């Protein structure tokens, strides 16, 4: 659900993070970010950010032959928290409906509250579909973020060095 990528670079972690920091400081476009010791965050500027705008978390680790960059696209943390709260609320409502329906059945009453369970599951599917639609709406901004990462890789590499990329599916 949250797209991931991994890059192997023959340069040090500090060198790549410096290249990313330099690009973020000089970028006057739609992106901004913060760079830390082993972590970086890239997001869309507030002036162009929408509800479905992506958020890119980058973990950079030292390796014997250079560094590894692991990126994960996700919704902005506020949006992510909202969707998780909705999922948890739907799970609680479904569990409550199931419990009350079992009590109704045990008491010999009509267990009408069992209808809450499939309704909650349907709403869960609707919310999940909304997340997929939002991911599609933010795809262009995801590509913009990925181009920034690729530019930072090119800036950090010496001429002739190569980037080895693996997708999350290949890494598993």
Foldseek 3Di string as FASTA:
>chain_A
DWWKWKKFFQAAPVLLLVLLVVCQVPDPDQKHWDGDDFKIKIFGDPVPDDQLAKIKIWGWAADPRHIMIMIIIDGDVVSVVVLVVLLVVLVVLLVVLVVQLVVCVVVVHHSPSNVSNVVSVVVNVVSVVVNVVSCVVNVVNVVVVVVSSVSSSVVSDDPPTDMDIDTPVVVD
